[in-house]
Amino acid sequence: MPLNDRRLYPWAVQGTLSPLMVTGAEGSWFTDADGNRHLDLGAQLAYMNVGHGHPRVVEAIRRQAAELPVIGPNFANRPAARLAEMLSEVTPGDLNRTFFTNGGTEANEYAIRIARQATGRLKIMTRYQSYHGSTLGSISATGENRRTYAEPGGVGFVKTLDPYRYRCAFCHDRDACTLACADAVEQTVVGEGPETVAAIMVEPVTGLSGFVPPPDGYLRRLRELCDRYGILLIFDEVITGFCRTGRWFGCQVWDVTPDLMTVAKGITSGYLPLGATIVSDRVAAYFDDHYLGGGLTYAAHPLACAAGCATLEVYLEEDLAERAATMGAKLLERLRKLADRHPSVGDVRGVGMLACLELVRDRQTREPLSPQRTEAPVSAAMAEARRAILARRVWPLFRWNLIGLTPPLTLTEAELDEGLAALDAGLTAADAALP
């Protein structure tokens, strides 16, 4: 750890840590205290979409700090009003009203509260392979193993099985997806009693618990299911939002509009903490004559909202959605070529600039190179792959037997080449550990 570091670090065994001291960053790179440059293939935690140190965003923060650095959430301020208007212009359908939060976990927390208030129902249905945040409601909505550290959690949360083509519980032996995963969601709704279910909440593309895109037709089936039973559909777009999938929002890849959408991360590219729960006109209308029971001290913070306005302007002016679609196609093509040469790669998947390599001990059995659904130390083989990549000062996202690639949307082809060379070295190390 850095000298005299008194921090407790998130999601970690403290005694095993030796975090890198970072002193600067620009574009796709960050610099450590010794002056070494590191390629950020994870955009930190999938949020540095416009790259480090973008002058447009930095200047907007400076300007706002000189004008009005802070004001309470019960007052209006120009950056918040402008950002809410900009969001209504880029979100699909009638998602026109915004409740600002401090980040993604609170955005999901308030989506849950708003859905319960607006429907008068209790239950929130989510999936086992999901992560929605760390506050009580959002961690209770989470399906993956991190929720166990907060249990017993909140009440009224119901889990269902996921679409995960590579490890499908329903049609892994079929040539094509049967959408039995969507049938399972409906069976769970019927089993719980549709009249008790306030909302179904999913990530359009699963985040750090798998990086799994849904099969075509799956999100449409959820939309139809919710409409049939009067259930609200919530999309957690904290990772998939703001051009990462090659569209402004992940739901647009499959042309499905939710009733509520939660965003964070890319809304400011992480320059300042900000999240939002964006709701449809129909849901918002409920609160025209009903009390909205909730609030946050720093909601609609002018500095954060100024950063958000500048970030959205960068997305528009630099056409980063199109850039993510183009570069993302190249990324997936190159990853598939890597997989052809490395037997440790079981699956390559992704959409836009959100991609993943899933590593296995055996392609036939699909045994993971390191166990999933646990925070125990990774296997020796996975540790060797990680070491080989980091030795080249390249930082993707690592989880279980997965290597996630969520780079800045401004990544250049030369930077992609450098990153893939490091991945090649890591996969060579993984191959050497195979039986």
Protein backbone atom coordinates (compact mmCIF):
# COMPACT_ATOMS: atom_id res chain seq x y z
CA MET A 1 0.00 0.00 0.00
CA PRO A 2 1.13 3.61 -0.38
CA LEU A 3 3.01 4.97 2.64
CA ASN A 4 0.69 5.71 5.60
CA ASP A 5 -2.37 4.72 3.56
CA ARG A 6 -5.24 4.70 6.09
CA ARG A 7 -7.97 3.84 3.60
CA LEU A 8 -10.20 0.82 3.67
CA TYR A 9 -10.54 -0.25 0.04
CA PRO A 10 -13.81 -1.54 -1.44
CA TRP A 11 -14.49 -5.22 -2.19
CA ALA A 12 -11.07 -6.41 -1.07
CA VAL A 13 -9.14 -8.26 1.62
CA GLN A 14 -7.17 -5.35 3.00
CA GLY A 15 -4.01 -7.21 3.97
CA THR A 16 -3.44 -8.48 0.42
CA LEU A 17 -3.51 -5.07 -1.24
CA SER A 18 -0.70 -3.11 -2.82
CA PRO A 19 -2.51 -0.45 -4.85
CA LEU A 20 -0.71 1.54 -7.50
CA MET A 21 -0.25 5.21 -6.67
CA VAL A 22 -1.58 7.18 -9.65
CA THR A 23 -0.49 10.79 -10.07
CA GLY A 24 -1.78 11.82 -13.49
CA ALA A 25 -3.80 10.76 -16.53
CA GLU A 26 -4.50 11.82 -20.11
CA GLY A 27 -6.52 10.19 -22.87
CA SER A 28 -6.33 6.40 -22.61
CA TRP A 29 -3.39 6.48 -20.19
CA PHE A 30 -2.69 7.04 -16.52
CA THR A 31 0.69 7.65 -14.89
CA ASP A 32 2.05 6.22 -11.65
CA ALA A 33 4.23 7.92 -9.04
CA ASP A 34 7.38 6.59 -10.75
CA GLY A 35 6.42 8.16 -14.07
CA ASN A 36 5.34 4.92 -15.77
CA ARG A 37 2.39 5.12 -18.20
CA HIS A 38 -0.40 2.52 -18.10
CA LEU A 39 -2.99 1.78 -20.79
CA ASP A 40 -6.50 1.96 -19.34
CA LEU A 41 -8.40 -0.80 -21.18
CA GLY A 42 -11.09 -0.79 -18.48
CA ALA A 43 -11.71 2.98 -18.49
CA GLN A 44 -11.32 2.56 -14.72
CA LEU A 45 -14.64 0.87 -13.90
CA ALA A 46 -16.14 1.26 -17.38
CA TYR A 47 -16.82 4.96 -17.01
CA MET A 48 -13.96 7.04 -18.44
CA ASN A 49 -15.79 7.18 -21.78
CA VAL A 50 -14.34 10.45 -23.12
CA GLY A 51 -10.85 9.61 -21.86
CA HIS A 52 -8.83 11.07 -19.02
CA GLY A 53 -8.44 14.83 -18.76
CA HIS A 54 -10.70 15.91 -21.61
CA PRO A 55 -10.23 19.70 -21.72
CA ARG A 56 -13.91 20.38 -22.46
CA VAL A 57 -15.04 18.68 -19.26
CA VAL A 58 -12.20 20.01 -17.11
CA GLU A 59 -12.90 23.57 -18.21
CA ALA A 60 -16.63 23.23 -17.53
CA ILE A 61 -15.87 22.17 -13.95
CA ARG A 62 -13.48 25.10 -13.44
CA ARG A 63 -15.96 27.57 -14.85
CA GLN A 64 -18.82 26.28 -12.70
CA ALA A 65 -16.65 26.26 -9.57
CA ALA A 66 -16.01 29.97 -10.06
CA GLU A 67 -19.69 30.76 -10.67
CA LEU A 68 -21.70 28.50 -8.31
CA PRO A 69 -19.88 25.50 -6.83
CA VAL A 70 -22.76 24.26 -4.67
CA ILE A 71 -26.42 24.89 -3.88
CA GLY A 72 -29.00 22.74 -2.09
CA PRO A 73 -31.24 20.27 -3.95
CA ASN A 74 -34.39 22.25 -3.10
CA PHE A 75 -33.17 25.09 -5.37
CA ALA A 76 -32.96 25.06 -9.14
CA ASN A 77 -29.60 25.60 -10.80
CA ARG A 78 -28.75 26.13 -14.46
CA PRO A 79 -26.44 23.11 -15.02
CA ALA A 80 -28.99 20.70 -13.54
CA ALA A 81 -31.85 22.17 -15.56
CA ARG A 82 -29.78 22.05 -18.73
CA LEU A 83 -28.58 18.50 -18.14
CA ALA A 84 -32.11 17.23 -17.48
CA GLU A 85 -33.19 18.80 -20.77
CA MET A 86 -30.24 17.28 -22.63
CA LEU A 87 -31.06 13.86 -21.20
CA SER A 88 -34.66 14.11 -22.37
CA GLU A 89 -33.34 14.78 -25.89
CA VAL A 90 -31.05 11.74 -26.09
CA THR A 91 -33.05 9.12 -24.17
CA PRO A 92 -35.55 6.99 -26.10
CA GLY A 93 -39.33 7.24 -25.98
CA ASP A 94 -40.93 9.37 -23.29
CA LEU A 95 -38.12 9.10 -20.73
CA ASN A 96 -38.31 12.80 -20.03
CA ARG A 97 -38.10 13.35 -16.27
CA THR A 98 -34.91 13.00 -14.21
CA PHE A 99 -34.19 12.50 -10.53
CA PHE A 100 -30.49 13.19 -9.94
CA THR A 101 -28.45 11.06 -7.54
CA ASN A 102 -24.80 10.81 -6.51
CA GLY A 103 -24.09 7.63 -8.47
CA GLY A 104 -25.41 4.40 -9.91
CA THR A 105 -26.24 2.57 -6.70
CA GLU A 106 -28.49 5.43 -5.58
CA ALA A 107 -30.03 5.70 -9.04
CA ASN A 108 -31.10 2.06 -8.73
CA GLU A 109 -32.20 2.61 -5.13
CA TYR A 110 -34.54 5.38 -6.27
CA ALA A 111 -35.78 3.42 -9.28
CA ILE A 112 -36.89 0.75 -6.82
CA ARG A 113 -38.60 3.29 -4.54
CA ILE A 114 -40.29 5.12 -7.41
CA ALA A 115 -41.55 1.87 -8.93
CA ARG A 116 -43.00 0.76 -5.61
CA GLN A 117 -44.66 4.10 -4.96
CA ALA A 118 -46.08 4.44 -8.47
CA THR A 119 -47.50 0.89 -8.62
CA GLY A 120 -48.41 0.29 -4.99
CA ARG A 121 -46.70 -3.10 -5.29
CA LEU A 122 -43.72 -4.46 -3.34
CA LYS A 123 -41.73 -7.01 -5.31
CA ILE A 124 -38.76 -6.18 -7.52
CA MET A 125 -37.61 -8.96 -9.83
CA THR A 126 -33.96 -9.12 -10.87
CA ARG A 127 -31.55 -11.79 -12.11
CA TYR A 128 -28.98 -13.94 -10.34
CA GLN A 129 -26.20 -12.76 -12.64
CA SER A 130 -26.43 -9.05 -11.87
CA TYR A 131 -24.93 -6.23 -9.88
CA HIS A 132 -27.00 -3.12 -9.11
CA GLY A 133 -25.03 -1.38 -6.37
CA SER A 134 -24.15 -1.45 -2.69
CA THR A 135 -26.88 0.43 -0.80
CA LEU A 136 -29.51 -1.70 0.92
CA GLY A 137 -32.05 -1.73 -1.90
CA SER A 138 -29.58 -2.02 -4.76
CA ILE A 139 -27.45 -4.73 -3.09
CA SER A 140 -30.65 -6.65 -2.28
CA ALA A 141 -31.57 -6.38 -5.96
CA THR A 142 -28.12 -7.70 -6.88
CA GLY A 143 -28.01 -11.38 -7.77
CA GLU A 144 -24.31 -12.23 -7.77
CA ASN A 145 -22.24 -13.18 -4.75
CA ARG A 146 -21.46 -9.66 -3.53
CA ARG A 147 -24.98 -9.45 -2.11
CA THR A 148 -24.13 -12.10 0.49
CA TYR A 149 -22.01 -9.59 2.45
CA ALA A 150 -25.12 -7.47 3.10
CA GLU A 151 -27.55 -10.25 3.92
CA PRO A 152 -30.10 -10.33 5.34
CA GLY A 153 -31.04 -7.56 2.93
CA GLY A 154 -34.21 -5.73 2.07
CA VAL A 155 -37.55 -7.44 1.59
CA GLY A 156 -39.50 -7.97 -1.59
CA PHE A 157 -36.65 -8.91 -3.94
CA VAL A 158 -37.10 -11.92 -6.19
CA LYS A 159 -34.43 -13.46 -8.45
CA THR A 160 -34.82 -15.28 -11.74
CA LEU A 161 -32.41 -17.01 -14.12
CA ASP A 162 -30.38 -15.21 -16.76
CA PRO A 163 -29.78 -15.27 -20.49
CA TYR A 164 -26.19 -16.57 -20.74
CA ARG A 165 -25.77 -18.35 -24.05
CA TYR A 166 -22.33 -19.78 -23.31
CA ARG A 167 -23.51 -21.40 -20.07
CA CYS A 168 -27.24 -21.56 -20.73
CA ALA A 169 -29.31 -23.62 -18.30
CA PHE A 170 -32.05 -23.98 -20.91
CA CYS A 171 -30.68 -24.50 -24.42
CA HIS A 172 -26.92 -25.02 -24.20
CA ASP A 173 -27.26 -28.12 -26.39
CA ARG A 174 -29.32 -26.35 -29.07
CA ASP A 175 -27.97 -24.74 -32.23
CA ALA A 176 -29.80 -21.49 -31.48
CA CYS A 177 -31.38 -19.70 -28.53
CA THR A 178 -34.99 -20.70 -27.82
CA LEU A 179 -35.69 -17.73 -25.49
CA ALA A 180 -36.54 -20.19 -22.74
CA CYS A 181 -34.70 -17.72 -20.49
CA ALA A 182 -37.52 -15.23 -21.15
CA ASP A 183 -40.11 -17.92 -20.47
CA ALA A 184 -38.44 -18.49 -17.10
CA VAL A 185 -38.91 -14.83 -16.20
CA GLU A 186 -42.64 -15.08 -16.92
CA GLN A 187 -42.90 -18.30 -14.92
CA THR A 188 -41.30 -16.53 -11.97
CA VAL A 189 -43.73 -13.60 -12.31
CA VAL A 190 -46.71 -15.95 -12.39
CA GLY A 191 -45.34 -17.91 -9.43
CA GLU A 192 -44.94 -14.74 -7.36
CA GLY A 193 -48.32 -13.33 -8.42
CA PRO A 194 -48.16 -10.60 -11.10
CA GLU A 195 -50.29 -8.28 -8.98
CA THR A 196 -47.47 -8.21 -6.39
CA VAL A 197 -44.62 -7.34 -8.78
CA ALA A 198 -43.77 -3.65 -9.10
CA ALA A 199 -40.90 -3.93 -11.55
CA ILE A 200 -38.47 -6.12 -13.42
CA MET A 201 -34.98 -4.64 -13.34
CA VAL A 202 -32.17 -5.82 -15.61
CA GLU A 203 -28.93 -4.63 -17.15
CA PRO A 204 -29.37 -4.61 -20.96
CA VAL A 205 -25.88 -6.12 -21.12
CA THR A 206 -24.74 -7.78 -17.91
CA GLY A 207 -21.92 -5.79 -16.34
CA LEU A 208 -19.00 -7.03 -14.26
CA SER A 209 -20.83 -10.24 -13.32
CA GLY A 210 -20.42 -11.61 -16.84
CA PHE A 211 -20.37 -9.02 -19.64
CA VAL A 212 -23.19 -10.96 -21.33
CA PRO A 213 -25.33 -9.45 -24.12
CA PRO A 214 -28.91 -10.76 -24.25
CA PRO A 215 -30.14 -12.90 -27.15
CA ASP A 216 -32.16 -11.09 -29.78
CA GLY A 217 -35.80 -10.91 -28.74
CA TYR A 218 -35.16 -11.28 -25.00
CA LEU A 219 -35.59 -7.62 -23.99
CA ARG A 220 -38.64 -7.35 -26.27
CA ARG A 221 -40.20 -10.29 -24.44
CA LEU A 222 -39.59 -8.56 -21.10
CA ARG A 223 -41.29 -5.43 -22.44
CA GLU A 224 -44.31 -7.45 -23.55
CA LEU A 225 -44.43 -9.30 -20.24
CA CYS A 226 -44.41 -6.07 -18.25
CA ASP A 227 -47.11 -4.53 -20.43
CA ARG A 228 -49.31 -7.59 -20.04
CA TYR A 229 -49.21 -7.56 -16.24
CA GLY A 230 -48.93 -3.84 -15.48
CA ILE A 231 -45.33 -4.21 -14.29
CA LEU A 232 -42.73 -1.46 -14.76
CA LEU A 233 -39.57 -2.28 -16.71
CA ILE A 234 -36.33 -0.81 -15.34
CA PHE A 235 -33.09 -0.88 -17.32
CA ASP A 236 -29.90 -0.42 -15.32
CA GLU A 237 -27.76 1.40 -17.91
CA VAL A 238 -25.05 2.47 -15.47
CA ILE A 239 -22.43 0.67 -17.60
CA THR A 240 -24.19 0.41 -20.97
CA GLY A 241 -25.29 4.06 -21.10
CA PHE A 242 -23.69 6.93 -22.99
CA CYS A 243 -22.44 5.45 -26.24
CA ARG A 244 -20.58 2.41 -24.90
CA THR A 245 -22.65 -0.08 -26.91
CA GLY A 246 -22.43 1.94 -30.13
CA ARG A 247 -25.78 3.57 -29.39
CA TRP A 248 -26.59 6.25 -26.81
CA PHE A 249 -28.08 3.56 -24.58
CA GLY A 250 -27.90 -0.20 -24.61
CA CYS A 251 -31.67 -0.60 -24.90
CA GLN A 252 -31.53 1.08 -28.30
CA VAL A 253 -29.42 -1.77 -29.69
CA TRP A 254 -32.52 -3.96 -29.31
CA ASP A 255 -35.09 -1.16 -29.85
CA VAL A 256 -36.81 -1.56 -26.47
CA THR A 257 -37.76 1.37 -24.23
CA PRO A 258 -38.11 0.87 -20.45
CA ASP A 259 -40.35 2.76 -18.04
CA LEU A 260 -37.37 3.78 -15.91
CA MET A 261 -33.71 3.98 -16.81
CA THR A 262 -30.83 4.39 -14.39
CA VAL A 263 -27.54 5.96 -15.46
CA ALA A 264 -24.25 7.08 -13.89
CA LYS A 265 -20.59 6.44 -14.81
CA GLY A 266 -20.55 7.80 -18.38
CA ILE A 267 -22.86 10.71 -17.56
CA THR A 268 -19.76 12.63 -16.42
CA SER A 269 -17.15 10.05 -17.52
CA GLY A 270 -16.47 9.80 -13.80
CA TYR A 271 -14.99 13.30 -13.54
CA LEU A 272 -17.44 13.99 -10.71
CA PRO A 273 -19.90 11.63 -8.98
CA LEU A 274 -23.35 11.78 -10.58
CA GLY A 275 -26.19 9.41 -11.34
CA ALA A 276 -29.79 9.73 -12.44
CA THR A 277 -33.07 7.87 -12.40
CA ILE A 278 -34.87 8.83 -15.61
CA VAL A 279 -38.58 8.05 -15.73
CA SER A 280 -41.31 8.07 -18.34
CA ASP A 281 -43.93 10.79 -18.47
CA ARG A 282 -46.50 8.25 -17.29
CA VAL A 283 -44.53 7.32 -14.18
CA ALA A 284 -43.62 10.94 -13.46
CA ALA A 285 -47.30 11.96 -13.66
CA TYR A 286 -48.03 9.90 -10.54
CA PHE A 287 -45.97 12.35 -8.50
CA ASP A 288 -47.85 15.38 -9.78
CA ASP A 289 -50.28 14.80 -6.92
CA HIS A 290 -48.39 12.30 -4.75
CA TYR A 291 -45.47 12.94 -2.42
CA LEU A 292 -42.07 11.84 -3.76
CA GLY A 293 -40.63 10.25 -0.64
CA GLY A 294 -36.90 10.67 -0.96
CA GLY A 295 -34.02 13.04 -1.47
CA LEU A 296 -30.24 13.43 -1.33
CA THR A 297 -28.18 16.29 0.07
CA TYR A 298 -26.04 16.54 -3.06
CA ALA A 299 -28.71 15.75 -5.66
CA ALA A 300 -28.42 17.89 -8.80
CA HIS A 301 -25.06 19.23 -7.59
CA PRO A 302 -24.12 22.09 -9.95
CA LEU A 303 -20.47 21.05 -10.35
CA ALA A 304 -21.42 17.49 -11.23
CA CYS A 305 -24.20 18.60 -13.57
CA ALA A 306 -21.86 21.04 -15.33
CA ALA A 307 -19.48 18.13 -15.92
CA GLY A 308 -22.43 16.12 -17.23
CA CYS A 309 -23.45 18.83 -19.70
CA ALA A 310 -19.90 19.09 -21.04
CA THR A 311 -19.58 15.31 -21.31
CA LEU A 312 -22.78 15.00 -23.32
CA GLU A 313 -21.56 17.77 -25.62
CA VAL A 314 -18.38 15.75 -26.23
CA TYR A 315 -20.42 12.65 -27.09
CA LEU A 316 -22.41 14.66 -29.62
CA GLU A 317 -19.61 16.69 -31.18
CA GLU A 318 -17.12 13.80 -31.42
CA ASP A 319 -19.84 11.30 -32.43
CA LEU A 320 -18.59 8.81 -29.89
CA ALA A 321 -21.53 6.46 -30.36
CA GLU A 322 -20.52 5.88 -33.97
CA ARG A 323 -16.87 5.65 -32.96
CA ALA A 324 -17.73 3.03 -30.34
CA ALA A 325 -19.68 1.01 -32.92
CA THR A 326 -16.83 1.12 -35.44
CA MET A 327 -13.97 0.52 -33.02
CA GLY A 328 -16.05 -2.04 -31.11
CA ALA A 329 -16.48 -4.13 -34.27
CA LYS A 330 -12.70 -4.07 -34.77
CA LEU A 331 -12.16 -4.99 -31.13
CA LEU A 332 -14.43 -8.04 -31.34
CA GLU A 333 -12.89 -9.15 -34.64
CA ARG A 334 -9.38 -8.94 -33.20
CA LEU A 335 -10.42 -10.74 -30.01
CA ARG A 336 -11.88 -13.60 -32.06
CA LYS A 337 -8.59 -13.93 -33.93
CA LEU A 338 -6.78 -14.08 -30.60
CA ALA A 339 -9.19 -16.78 -29.44
CA ASP A 340 -8.41 -18.87 -32.52
CA ARG A 341 -4.78 -19.07 -31.37
CA HIS A 342 -5.36 -19.60 -27.66
CA PRO A 343 -7.14 -22.72 -26.36
CA SER A 344 -7.64 -21.04 -22.98
CA VAL A 345 -10.32 -18.78 -24.52
CA GLY A 346 -13.73 -20.38 -24.28
CA ASP A 347 -15.90 -17.48 -25.39
CA VAL A 348 -15.62 -14.02 -26.92
CA ARG A 349 -18.64 -11.76 -26.55
CA GLY A 350 -19.62 -8.13 -26.48
CA VAL A 351 -21.36 -5.23 -28.12
CA GLY A 352 -19.70 -1.94 -29.01
CA MET A 353 -16.85 -1.08 -26.66
CA LEU A 354 -18.00 -3.59 -24.05
CA ALA A 355 -16.31 -6.93 -24.65
CA CYS A 356 -15.14 -9.96 -22.73
CA LEU A 357 -12.88 -12.99 -22.94
CA GLU A 358 -14.03 -15.96 -20.86
CA LEU A 359 -11.14 -18.27 -20.04
CA VAL A 360 -11.52 -22.02 -19.56
CA ARG A 361 -9.44 -25.07 -18.70
CA ASP A 362 -11.12 -27.12 -21.40
CA ARG A 363 -13.19 -25.89 -24.35
CA GLN A 364 -15.24 -29.08 -24.45
CA THR A 365 -16.28 -29.14 -20.81
CA ARG A 366 -16.15 -25.31 -20.49
CA GLU A 367 -14.66 -25.65 -17.02
CA PRO A 368 -13.75 -22.09 -15.94
CA LEU A 369 -10.04 -21.28 -15.65
CA SER A 370 -10.92 -19.81 -12.25
CA PRO A 371 -14.17 -20.40 -10.31
CA GLN A 372 -17.07 -18.00 -10.85
CA ARG A 373 -19.39 -16.58 -8.19
CA THR A 374 -16.73 -16.32 -5.50
CA GLU A 375 -14.33 -13.73 -4.18
CA ALA A 376 -11.81 -16.38 -3.15
CA PRO A 377 -8.34 -15.90 -4.65
CA VAL A 378 -8.26 -16.69 -8.37
CA SER A 379 -6.63 -19.86 -9.62
CA ALA A 380 -2.88 -19.95 -10.21
CA ALA A 381 -3.47 -20.07 -13.98
CA MET A 382 -5.68 -16.98 -13.92
CA ALA A 383 -3.20 -15.20 -11.68
CA GLU A 384 -0.43 -15.90 -14.20
CA ALA A 385 -2.54 -14.52 -17.05
CA ARG A 386 -3.25 -11.39 -15.03
CA ARG A 387 0.41 -10.92 -14.10
CA ALA A 388 1.52 -11.21 -17.71
CA ILE A 389 -0.93 -8.53 -18.82
CA LEU A 390 -0.21 -6.11 -15.99
CA ALA A 391 3.54 -6.56 -16.49
CA ARG A 392 3.02 -4.75 -19.80
CA ARG A 393 1.23 -1.95 -17.92
CA VAL A 394 -2.13 -2.69 -19.54
CA TRP A 395 -5.23 -2.67 -17.32
CA PRO A 396 -8.41 -4.41 -18.47
CA LEU A 397 -11.06 -5.45 -15.92
CA PHE A 398 -10.52 -8.82 -14.24
CA ARG A 399 -13.26 -10.86 -12.56
CA TRP A 400 -13.22 -14.59 -11.85
CA ASN A 401 -12.25 -16.23 -15.19
CA LEU A 402 -13.21 -13.12 -17.18
CA ILE A 403 -11.19 -10.37 -18.82
CA GLY A 404 -13.43 -7.39 -19.48
CA LEU A 405 -12.55 -4.76 -22.08
CA THR A 406 -14.34 -1.45 -21.64
CA PRO A 407 -11.77 1.11 -22.86
CA PRO A 408 -12.28 4.83 -23.36
CA LEU A 409 -14.40 5.43 -26.45
CA THR A 410 -11.56 7.62 -27.73
CA LEU A 411 -9.16 4.64 -27.92
CA THR A 412 -6.94 4.74 -31.02
CA GLU A 413 -6.03 1.79 -33.23
CA ALA A 414 -2.41 2.03 -32.10
CA GLU A 415 -3.55 1.82 -28.48
CA LEU A 416 -5.77 -1.14 -29.35
CA ASP A 417 -2.74 -2.88 -30.89
CA GLU A 418 -0.73 -2.32 -27.72
CA GLY A 419 -3.52 -3.59 -25.52
CA LEU A 420 -4.08 -6.71 -27.59
CA ALA A 421 -0.36 -7.51 -27.53
CA ALA A 422 -0.56 -7.56 -23.73
CA LEU A 423 -3.67 -9.77 -23.85
CA ASP A 424 -1.82 -12.12 -26.20
CA ALA A 425 0.94 -12.47 -23.60
CA GLY A 426 -1.61 -13.12 -20.87
CA LEU A 427 -3.39 -15.78 -22.89
CA THR A 428 -0.07 -17.45 -23.67
CA ALA A 429 0.52 -17.70 -19.92
CA ALA A 430 -2.98 -19.14 -19.44
CA ASP A 431 -2.42 -21.69 -22.24
CA ALA A 432 0.77 -22.88 -20.55
CA ALA A 433 -1.24 -23.75 -17.43
CA LEU A 434 -3.77 -25.93 -19.25
CA PRO A 435 -3.74 -29.70 -18.61
